[in-house]
Amino acid sequence: MQVRGLGLSPITRRRLHAFRGNRRGWWSFWIFLVLFIVSLFAEFIANDKPVLVSYDGRYYVPVLQFVPETEYGGFFETEAEYKDPEVQSLIREKGWMIWPLVEYSYDTQVLDLGQPAPTPPDSTHWLGTDDQARDVFARTLYGFRISVLFGLAFVGISSVIGITAGLSQGFFGGWYDLLGQRFIEIWTSLPTLYLLIILASIVTPTFWWLLLIMVAFGWTALVGLVRAETLRARNLDFVKASRALGVSNLVIMARHILPNAMVATLTYLPFVLSGAVVSLASLDFLGFGLPPGSPSLGELLKQGKENLQAPWLGITAFVTVGAMLTLLVFIGEAVRDAFDPRKIQE
């Protein structure tokens, strides 16, 4: 099957055809995309605040805005506690409210459990609760979103740095390339995981701080690949012709060499993304990741290890992480096929 009528070049259509030809990767891409889009709307799916409130002719969206209790006829200027029966009674006197599919957020502590936490799955808590009486489904949903966003941010930032370094090393060569390679060899020989643990134990971990630390040690992943492609492409005839015509080095690298280097680089990105997800989960599992209380798949794995009497915790975390990594690997295989010259045939 071919994609036509979209203004795509013949080579792009052949690549899309090869990508779709890998049925496992094609369906993995769509499954992962749907799961990610759903997770982006986690606040509307799992939350301890209503999605929409109608009161006295006015409409409020509590999941997105701060609404004090006084707006509903209460006495406090603080945000309304929608789980409070008195607040619910005030709202129902002059309006109505629509709750999310799951009436618990990732940090909501369930106070009406019939037994000590963690509790097994039931009709209210589909995946049970953890040892702090929080809904596991809500934490898994939010944790999936954080993991994917962290991985995408890591891939984006580290790719820009790594591609720039590899492109400049391969193009200019000489002492610049030699010194750059020696620096990368020293930098990559450092015990990354231990340094991450040490740095994470010194400072208060946050999403952006962890991302900065990870990028500092992970940007070298693409340097060798881009450098090798650049070394090959810089001696091609069209590059030599551009130089003879007086085209600047920056234009040659950006317009002529980079597109050729990106072909091989794109096939590697899904695996870099899966590596970033695993690294974040590993740090959270060891207790050096996101701040305590954050929705984290690694923290859920840790709870599963510490609460063997509650197997649903470990099973949920294992299935979620395993499914995510499996989908990413299958997508990576499909992308690899899409850029394989032997498979992009009409």
Protein backbone atom coordinates (compact mmCIF):
# COMPACT_ATOMS: atom_id res chain seq x y z
CA MET A 1 0.00 0.00 0.00
CA GLN A 2 1.33 3.44 -0.88
CA VAL A 3 0.65 6.90 0.46
CA ARG A 4 -0.25 9.19 -2.41
CA GLY A 5 -1.66 12.66 -2.80
CA LEU A 6 0.26 14.09 0.14
CA GLY A 7 3.04 15.79 -1.80
CA LEU A 8 5.57 13.20 -0.64
CA SER A 9 8.68 12.36 -2.60
CA PRO A 10 9.02 8.86 -4.08
CA ILE A 11 11.73 7.89 -1.55
CA THR A 12 9.52 9.02 1.35
CA ARG A 13 6.59 7.00 0.01
CA ARG A 14 8.80 3.94 -0.27
CA ARG A 15 9.97 4.40 3.31
CA LEU A 16 6.41 4.72 4.56
CA HIS A 17 5.53 1.61 2.59
CA ALA A 18 8.43 -0.28 4.20
CA PHE A 19 7.40 0.98 7.63
CA ARG A 20 3.85 -0.23 7.14
CA GLY A 21 5.19 -3.48 5.76
CA ASN A 22 6.50 -4.31 9.22
CA ARG A 23 3.08 -5.10 10.66
CA ARG A 24 4.39 -5.63 14.17
CA GLY A 25 6.08 -2.23 14.22
CA TRP A 26 3.18 -0.52 12.47
CA TRP A 27 0.60 -1.66 15.01
CA SER A 28 3.03 -1.01 17.88
CA PHE A 29 3.38 2.56 16.68
CA TRP A 30 -0.36 3.15 16.74
CA ILE A 31 -0.87 1.40 20.07
CA PHE A 32 1.92 3.43 21.66
CA LEU A 33 0.60 6.65 20.11
CA VAL A 34 -2.92 6.03 21.42
CA LEU A 35 -1.64 5.21 24.90
CA PHE A 36 0.52 8.32 24.95
CA ILE A 37 -2.31 10.59 23.78
CA VAL A 38 -4.62 9.10 26.39
CA SER A 39 -2.02 9.70 29.10
CA LEU A 40 -1.76 13.37 28.08
CA PHE A 41 -5.35 13.76 29.29
CA ALA A 42 -4.72 11.94 32.56
CA GLU A 43 -6.25 14.80 34.58
CA PHE A 44 -9.56 14.21 32.82
CA ILE A 45 -9.42 10.43 33.32
CA ALA A 46 -8.17 10.02 36.89
CA ASN A 47 -8.63 12.91 39.29
CA ASP A 48 -10.11 13.73 42.68
CA LYS A 49 -11.70 16.85 41.20
CA PRO A 50 -14.72 17.00 38.89
CA VAL A 51 -14.17 17.54 35.19
CA LEU A 52 -17.02 20.05 35.00
CA VAL A 53 -19.11 21.80 37.64
CA SER A 54 -22.27 23.78 37.02
CA TYR A 55 -23.28 26.03 39.93
CA ASP A 56 -25.85 28.79 39.91
CA GLY A 57 -25.66 29.19 36.14
CA ARG A 58 -21.85 29.29 36.04
CA TYR A 59 -19.51 26.60 34.78
CA TYR A 60 -16.15 25.62 36.27
CA VAL A 61 -13.44 23.17 35.23
CA PRO A 62 -11.81 22.24 38.56
CA VAL A 63 -9.23 19.94 36.96
CA LEU A 64 -7.73 22.99 35.25
CA GLN A 65 -8.58 25.94 37.50
CA PHE A 66 -8.50 26.93 41.15
CA VAL A 67 -11.99 27.36 42.54
CA PRO A 68 -12.34 28.43 46.19
CA GLU A 69 -15.03 26.94 48.36
CA THR A 70 -16.70 30.35 48.68
CA GLU A 71 -17.73 30.12 45.00
CA TYR A 72 -20.09 27.33 46.02
CA GLY A 73 -21.45 29.12 49.07
CA GLY A 74 -18.88 27.78 51.53
CA PHE A 75 -16.88 29.64 54.19
CA PHE A 76 -13.25 29.00 53.22
CA GLU A 77 -11.09 30.82 50.66
CA THR A 78 -9.05 27.68 50.07
CA GLU A 79 -9.69 25.37 47.12
CA ALA A 80 -12.87 23.37 47.43
CA GLU A 81 -12.47 19.81 48.68
CA TYR A 82 -14.77 18.05 46.26
CA LYS A 83 -14.65 14.75 48.14
CA ASP A 84 -16.11 16.50 51.19
CA PRO A 85 -19.82 15.59 51.52
CA GLU A 86 -20.65 19.16 52.62
CA VAL A 87 -19.08 20.65 49.49
CA GLN A 88 -20.91 18.12 47.32
CA SER A 89 -24.16 19.03 49.04
CA LEU A 90 -23.55 22.75 48.41
CA ILE A 91 -22.94 22.13 44.70
CA ARG A 92 -25.98 19.89 44.27
CA GLU A 93 -28.24 22.56 45.79
CA LYS A 94 -27.77 24.83 42.77
CA GLY A 95 -26.06 22.69 40.16
CA TRP A 96 -24.34 19.46 39.26
CA MET A 97 -20.86 18.05 38.59
CA ILE A 98 -19.30 15.46 36.29
CA TRP A 99 -16.57 13.25 37.73
CA PRO A 100 -13.70 11.62 35.80
CA LEU A 101 -13.75 7.93 34.98
CA VAL A 102 -11.53 7.29 38.03
CA GLU A 103 -12.26 9.58 40.97
CA TYR A 104 -8.72 9.51 42.33
CA SER A 105 -5.55 11.33 41.33
CA TYR A 106 -2.03 9.89 41.60
CA ASP A 107 -1.51 11.46 45.05
CA THR A 108 -4.99 10.95 46.48
CA GLN A 109 -4.97 8.94 49.69
CA VAL A 110 -8.07 6.80 49.87
CA LEU A 111 -9.51 7.05 53.39
CA ASP A 112 -12.51 4.74 53.08
CA LEU A 113 -10.74 1.43 52.43
CA GLY A 114 -12.31 -1.53 54.12
CA GLN A 115 -8.94 -3.06 54.99
CA PRO A 116 -5.33 -1.93 55.50
CA ALA A 117 -3.46 -0.83 52.39
CA PRO A 118 -2.37 -2.16 49.98
CA THR A 119 -5.73 -3.52 48.89
CA PRO A 120 -6.37 -5.82 45.92
CA PRO A 121 -8.15 -4.75 42.73
CA ASP A 122 -11.91 -4.24 42.91
CA SER A 123 -14.66 -2.40 41.05
CA THR A 124 -13.55 0.96 42.49
CA HIS A 125 -9.78 0.56 42.31
CA TRP A 126 -9.19 -1.40 39.10
CA LEU A 127 -5.55 -2.17 39.88
CA GLY A 128 -5.82 -2.00 43.65
CA THR A 129 -4.09 0.47 45.96
CA ASP A 130 -0.46 0.76 47.03
CA ASP A 131 1.00 0.71 50.53
CA GLN A 132 0.12 4.39 50.99
CA ALA A 133 -3.53 3.89 50.04
CA ARG A 134 -3.20 5.50 46.60
CA ASP A 135 -4.97 4.25 43.50
CA VAL A 136 -2.56 2.17 41.41
CA PHE A 137 -4.34 2.78 38.10
CA ALA A 138 -4.06 6.55 38.53
CA ARG A 139 -0.39 6.32 39.47
CA THR A 140 0.30 4.03 36.51
CA LEU A 141 -1.44 6.39 34.09
CA TYR A 142 0.44 9.46 35.32
CA GLY A 143 3.67 7.49 35.62
CA PHE A 144 3.42 6.33 32.02
CA ARG A 145 3.03 9.93 30.89
CA ILE A 146 6.02 11.15 32.89
CA SER A 147 8.20 8.32 31.60
CA VAL A 148 7.37 8.99 27.95
CA LEU A 149 7.71 12.77 28.29
CA PHE A 150 11.03 12.34 30.08
CA GLY A 151 12.25 10.01 27.34
CA LEU A 152 11.12 12.32 24.54
CA ALA A 153 12.76 15.34 26.19
CA PHE A 154 15.96 13.35 26.69
CA VAL A 155 15.98 12.17 23.07
CA GLY A 156 15.35 15.69 21.77
CA ILE A 157 18.02 17.48 23.80
CA SER A 158 20.68 14.78 23.67
CA SER A 159 20.15 14.34 19.92
CA VAL A 160 20.75 18.02 19.24
CA ILE A 161 23.99 17.97 21.22
CA GLY A 162 25.19 14.60 19.93
CA ILE A 163 24.36 15.29 16.29
CA THR A 164 26.04 18.71 16.44
CA ALA A 165 29.18 17.23 18.00
CA GLY A 166 29.38 14.29 15.59
CA LEU A 167 28.66 16.47 12.57
CA SER A 168 31.36 19.01 13.43
CA GLN A 169 33.94 16.33 14.29
CA GLY A 170 33.40 14.41 11.09
CA PHE A 171 33.35 17.50 8.89
CA PHE A 172 36.38 19.36 10.21
CA GLY A 173 38.45 16.31 11.24
CA GLY A 174 42.10 16.82 12.17
CA TRP A 175 43.00 17.89 15.68
CA TYR A 176 39.42 18.90 16.40
CA ASP A 177 38.21 15.38 15.70
CA LEU A 178 41.14 13.79 17.54
CA LEU A 179 40.66 15.83 20.72
CA GLY A 180 36.90 15.36 20.54
CA GLN A 181 37.23 11.60 20.32
CA ARG A 182 39.65 11.44 23.25
CA PHE A 183 37.28 13.55 25.35
CA ILE A 184 34.32 11.32 24.49
CA GLU A 185 36.32 8.19 25.31
CA ILE A 186 37.19 9.58 28.75
CA TRP A 187 33.65 10.85 29.33
CA THR A 188 31.97 7.56 28.36
CA SER A 189 34.37 5.56 30.55
CA LEU A 190 32.99 7.21 33.69
CA PRO A 191 30.64 5.03 35.77
CA THR A 192 27.46 6.77 34.70
CA LEU A 193 24.99 5.06 37.04
CA TYR A 194 27.15 5.67 40.12
CA LEU A 195 27.62 9.31 39.20
CA LEU A 196 23.87 9.69 38.65
CA ILE A 197 23.22 8.21 42.08
CA ILE A 198 25.81 10.46 43.72
CA LEU A 199 24.52 13.63 42.04
CA ALA A 200 20.89 12.71 42.73
CA SER A 201 21.72 12.19 46.42
CA ILE A 202 23.43 15.59 46.71
CA VAL A 203 20.68 17.74 45.21
CA THR A 204 16.92 17.55 45.54
CA PRO A 205 15.81 15.57 42.49
CA THR A 206 13.28 17.12 40.14
CA PHE A 207 12.13 16.24 36.65
CA TRP A 208 14.33 18.87 35.00
CA TRP A 209 17.32 18.23 37.23
CA LEU A 210 17.24 14.52 36.46
CA LEU A 211 16.86 15.32 32.77
CA LEU A 212 19.91 17.60 32.91
CA ILE A 213 22.01 14.92 34.60
CA MET A 214 20.89 12.25 32.14
CA VAL A 215 21.60 14.46 29.13
CA ALA A 216 25.04 15.32 30.50
CA PHE A 217 26.01 11.65 30.32
CA GLY A 218 23.80 10.46 27.47
CA TRP A 219 24.49 12.91 24.64
CA THR A 220 27.40 10.79 23.36
CA ALA A 221 25.12 7.98 22.16
CA LEU A 222 24.72 9.43 18.65
CA VAL A 223 28.12 11.08 18.20
CA GLY A 224 29.91 8.05 16.76
CA LEU A 225 27.12 7.26 14.30
CA VAL A 226 26.79 10.82 13.01
CA ARG A 227 30.59 11.24 12.86
CA ALA A 228 30.98 8.10 10.74
CA GLU A 229 28.26 9.17 8.32
CA THR A 230 29.79 12.65 8.07
CA LEU A 231 33.26 11.29 7.38
CA ARG A 232 31.80 9.28 4.51
CA ALA A 233 29.61 12.06 3.11
CA ARG A 234 32.18 14.86 3.21
CA ASN A 235 34.17 13.19 0.41
CA LEU A 236 31.22 12.76 -1.93
CA ASP A 237 31.18 14.66 -5.21
CA PHE A 238 28.27 16.97 -4.41
CA VAL A 239 29.99 18.13 -1.20
CA LYS A 240 33.23 18.81 -3.08
CA ALA A 241 31.28 20.70 -5.72
CA SER A 242 29.62 22.84 -3.04
CA ARG A 243 33.00 23.71 -1.60
CA ALA A 244 34.33 24.61 -5.04
CA LEU A 245 31.38 26.96 -5.54
CA GLY A 246 32.23 28.75 -2.29
CA VAL A 247 29.31 27.51 -0.20
CA SER A 248 29.95 28.06 3.51
CA ASN A 249 30.79 25.14 5.79
CA LEU A 250 27.64 25.71 7.87
CA VAL A 251 25.38 25.48 4.81
CA ILE A 252 27.18 22.38 3.53
CA MET A 253 26.81 20.63 6.90
CA ALA A 254 23.17 21.60 7.37
CA ARG A 255 21.88 21.18 3.83
CA HIS A 256 24.01 18.44 2.28
CA ILE A 257 25.60 16.29 4.98
CA LEU A 258 23.07 16.36 7.83
CA PRO A 259 20.17 14.82 5.82
CA ASN A 260 22.41 11.86 4.92
CA ALA A 261 23.57 11.44 8.52
CA MET A 262 19.99 11.60 9.83
CA VAL A 263 18.96 8.51 7.86
CA ALA A 264 21.01 6.24 10.10
CA THR A 265 20.38 8.36 13.19
CA LEU A 266 16.58 8.10 13.03
CA THR A 267 16.74 4.31 13.18
CA TYR A 268 18.56 4.59 16.51
CA LEU A 269 16.24 7.06 18.26
CA PRO A 270 13.51 4.61 19.44
CA PHE A 271 16.19 2.59 21.24
CA VAL A 272 17.59 5.76 22.85
CA LEU A 273 14.06 6.54 24.04
CA SER A 274 13.64 3.09 25.58
CA GLY A 275 17.03 3.45 27.28
CA ALA A 276 15.98 6.76 28.84
CA VAL A 277 12.75 5.20 30.16
CA VAL A 278 14.71 2.34 31.71
CA SER A 279 17.23 4.73 33.28
CA LEU A 280 14.50 6.82 34.89
CA ALA A 281 12.73 3.71 36.19
CA SER A 282 16.04 2.39 37.56
CA LEU A 283 16.76 5.60 39.46
CA ASP A 284 13.23 5.66 40.86
CA PHE A 285 13.52 2.01 41.86
CA LEU A 286 16.76 2.77 43.74
CA GLY A 287 15.22 5.81 45.41
CA PHE A 288 17.31 8.42 43.58
CA GLY A 289 14.79 9.48 40.98
CA LEU A 290 11.79 11.78 41.06
CA PRO A 291 10.73 13.46 44.33
CA PRO A 292 8.84 11.26 46.82
CA GLY A 293 5.16 11.03 45.97
CA SER A 294 5.66 11.54 42.24
CA PRO A 295 3.89 9.02 39.99
CA SER A 296 6.70 6.73 38.93
CA LEU A 297 6.82 3.28 37.39
CA GLY A 298 10.15 2.63 39.09
CA GLU A 299 8.68 3.50 42.47
CA LEU A 300 5.78 1.13 41.76
CA LEU A 301 8.32 -1.61 40.99
CA LYS A 302 9.99 -0.87 44.31
CA GLN A 303 6.66 -1.18 46.10
CA GLY A 304 6.08 -4.51 44.40
CA LYS A 305 9.44 -5.74 45.71
CA GLU A 306 8.71 -4.54 49.24
CA ASN A 307 5.12 -5.87 49.31
CA LEU A 308 5.29 -9.42 48.04
CA GLN A 309 1.94 -10.08 49.70
CA ALA A 310 0.43 -7.65 47.18
CA PRO A 311 1.41 -9.17 43.81
CA TRP A 312 -0.78 -6.77 41.84
CA LEU A 313 1.76 -3.99 42.48
CA GLY A 314 4.69 -5.81 40.92
CA ILE A 315 2.60 -7.30 38.12
CA THR A 316 1.16 -3.90 37.15
CA ALA A 317 4.58 -2.24 37.09
CA PHE A 318 6.21 -5.13 35.22
CA VAL A 319 3.48 -5.34 32.58
CA THR A 320 3.45 -1.56 32.05
CA VAL A 321 7.23 -1.17 31.72
CA GLY A 322 7.55 -4.37 29.69
CA ALA A 323 4.78 -3.40 27.29
CA MET A 324 6.19 0.10 26.84
CA LEU A 325 9.70 -1.15 26.05
CA THR A 326 8.36 -3.90 23.76
CA LEU A 327 6.36 -1.39 21.74
CA LEU A 328 9.37 0.92 21.45
CA VAL A 329 11.63 -1.91 20.29
CA PHE A 330 9.10 -3.01 17.67
CA ILE A 331 8.76 0.60 16.47
CA GLY A 332 12.55 0.83 16.25
CA GLU A 333 12.65 -2.29 14.10
CA ALA A 334 10.02 -0.83 11.77
CA VAL A 335 11.95 2.45 11.49
CA ARG A 336 15.10 0.48 10.72
CA ASP A 337 13.28 -1.35 7.92
CA ALA A 338 11.95 1.94 6.59
CA PHE A 339 15.47 3.26 6.08
CA ASP A 340 16.96 0.00 4.86
CA PRO A 341 17.84 0.46 1.14
CA ARG A 342 17.13 -3.22 0.50
CA LYS A 343 13.51 -2.91 1.63
CA ILE A 344 12.39 0.44 0.22
CA GLN A 345 11.30 -0.91 -3.12
CA GLU A 346 8.22 -0.03 -5.06
